[in-house]
Amino acid sequence: MLPWDCRVIYFLTVCVIPRHNVLANDAAWRALRQTLRRLDKWNIYCVLVMPDHVHLLSAPLERELSVAAFLKWLKRWFNEVYDFPLERQW
């Protein structure tokens, strides 16, 4: 039996559509780091940036926080900072 305060950890993958090499550069890494600092209600344990997607190990500080909200703000804040090519989206 697990204790009630047991944390959940999510393995998330966020892809660029259409799949293309737009994240394998210093500007994308800086933008992602800045974005993740803003997501202060989540613990980020590991991040792996690939040319066309990002892998994350993350856990909410409160069990009620949703992954959908995490991804919404991740994408929105990243897009504000990074000069995403117009034909690309998450």
Protein backbone atom coordinates (compact mmCIF):
# COMPACT_ATOMS: atom_id res chain seq x y z
CA MET A 1 0.00 0.00 0.00
CA LEU A 2 1.27 3.48 -0.89
CA PRO A 3 1.27 6.36 1.60
CA TRP A 4 -1.30 9.12 1.00
CA ASP A 5 1.37 11.76 0.41
CA CYS A 6 2.99 9.73 -2.38
CA ARG A 7 3.89 11.95 -5.32
CA VAL A 8 3.07 11.19 -8.90
CA ILE A 9 5.76 11.74 -11.54
CA TYR A 10 4.82 12.22 -15.16
CA PHE A 11 6.93 11.37 -18.19
CA LEU A 12 5.84 13.84 -20.85
CA THR A 13 6.78 14.18 -24.49
CA VAL A 14 5.87 17.34 -26.39
CA CYS A 15 6.38 17.28 -30.17
CA VAL A 16 6.68 19.97 -32.80
CA ILE A 17 4.24 19.65 -35.71
CA PRO A 18 5.27 19.11 -38.43
CA ARG A 19 8.32 17.30 -37.07
CA HIS A 20 11.35 19.36 -37.98
CA ASN A 21 14.67 20.38 -36.41
CA VAL A 22 13.67 23.62 -34.67
CA LEU A 23 14.65 22.91 -31.04
CA ALA A 24 18.28 21.80 -31.35
CA ASN A 25 19.86 25.19 -30.67
CA ASP A 26 20.94 27.40 -27.78
CA ALA A 27 18.03 29.84 -28.15
CA ALA A 28 15.46 27.04 -27.76
CA TRP A 29 17.28 25.68 -24.70
CA ARG A 30 17.39 29.13 -23.07
CA ALA A 31 13.69 29.68 -23.82
CA LEU A 32 12.79 26.29 -22.36
CA ARG A 33 14.81 26.91 -19.19
CA GLN A 34 13.15 30.30 -18.75
CA THR A 35 9.72 28.75 -19.31
CA LEU A 36 10.31 25.92 -16.84
CA ARG A 37 11.34 28.41 -14.13
CA ARG A 38 7.92 30.05 -14.52
CA LEU A 39 6.16 26.71 -13.93
CA ASP A 40 6.84 27.07 -10.21
CA LYS A 41 4.09 24.70 -9.06
CA TRP A 42 5.90 21.75 -10.65
CA ASN A 43 9.13 19.94 -9.86
CA ILE A 44 11.12 19.34 -13.02
CA TYR A 45 13.45 16.39 -12.50
CA CYS A 46 14.83 15.88 -15.98
CA VAL A 47 14.60 17.54 -19.39
CA LEU A 48 15.87 16.19 -22.69
CA VAL A 49 15.54 18.41 -25.74
CA MET A 50 15.61 16.66 -29.09
CA PRO A 51 15.54 18.39 -32.49
CA ASP A 52 11.74 18.10 -32.81
CA HIS A 53 10.46 17.21 -29.34
CA VAL A 54 11.07 17.58 -25.61
CA HIS A 55 10.98 14.87 -22.91
CA LEU A 56 10.27 15.86 -19.30
CA LEU A 57 10.05 14.10 -15.95
CA SER A 58 7.86 16.32 -13.83
CA ALA A 59 5.70 16.19 -10.71
CA PRO A 60 3.08 18.66 -9.46
CA LEU A 61 3.64 20.14 -6.02
CA GLU A 62 -0.08 19.58 -5.38
CA ARG A 63 -1.80 16.41 -6.54
CA GLU A 64 -4.77 18.37 -7.97
CA LEU A 65 -2.68 20.21 -10.59
CA SER A 66 -3.39 18.99 -14.10
CA VAL A 67 -0.96 17.91 -16.78
CA ALA A 68 -3.16 19.69 -19.33
CA ALA A 69 -2.61 23.03 -17.56
CA PHE A 70 1.13 22.34 -17.27
CA LEU A 71 1.37 21.71 -21.03
CA LYS A 72 -0.83 24.69 -21.89
CA TRP A 73 1.42 27.10 -19.99
CA LEU A 74 4.63 25.40 -21.13
CA LYS A 75 3.65 25.85 -24.78
CA ARG A 76 2.27 29.37 -24.34
CA TRP A 77 5.22 30.75 -22.37
CA PHE A 78 7.78 29.02 -24.58
CA ASN A 79 6.15 30.49 -27.70
CA GLU A 80 6.30 33.97 -26.12
CA VAL A 81 10.07 33.71 -25.63
CA TYR A 82 11.22 31.63 -28.60
CA ASP A 83 10.96 32.74 -32.22
CA PHE A 84 9.09 29.65 -33.41
CA PRO A 85 8.91 29.41 -37.22
CA LEU A 86 5.37 30.35 -38.32
CA GLU A 87 4.63 26.99 -39.91
CA ARG A 88 5.44 25.12 -36.64
CA GLN A 89 3.28 24.46 -33.63
CA TRP A 90 3.23 22.10 -30.67
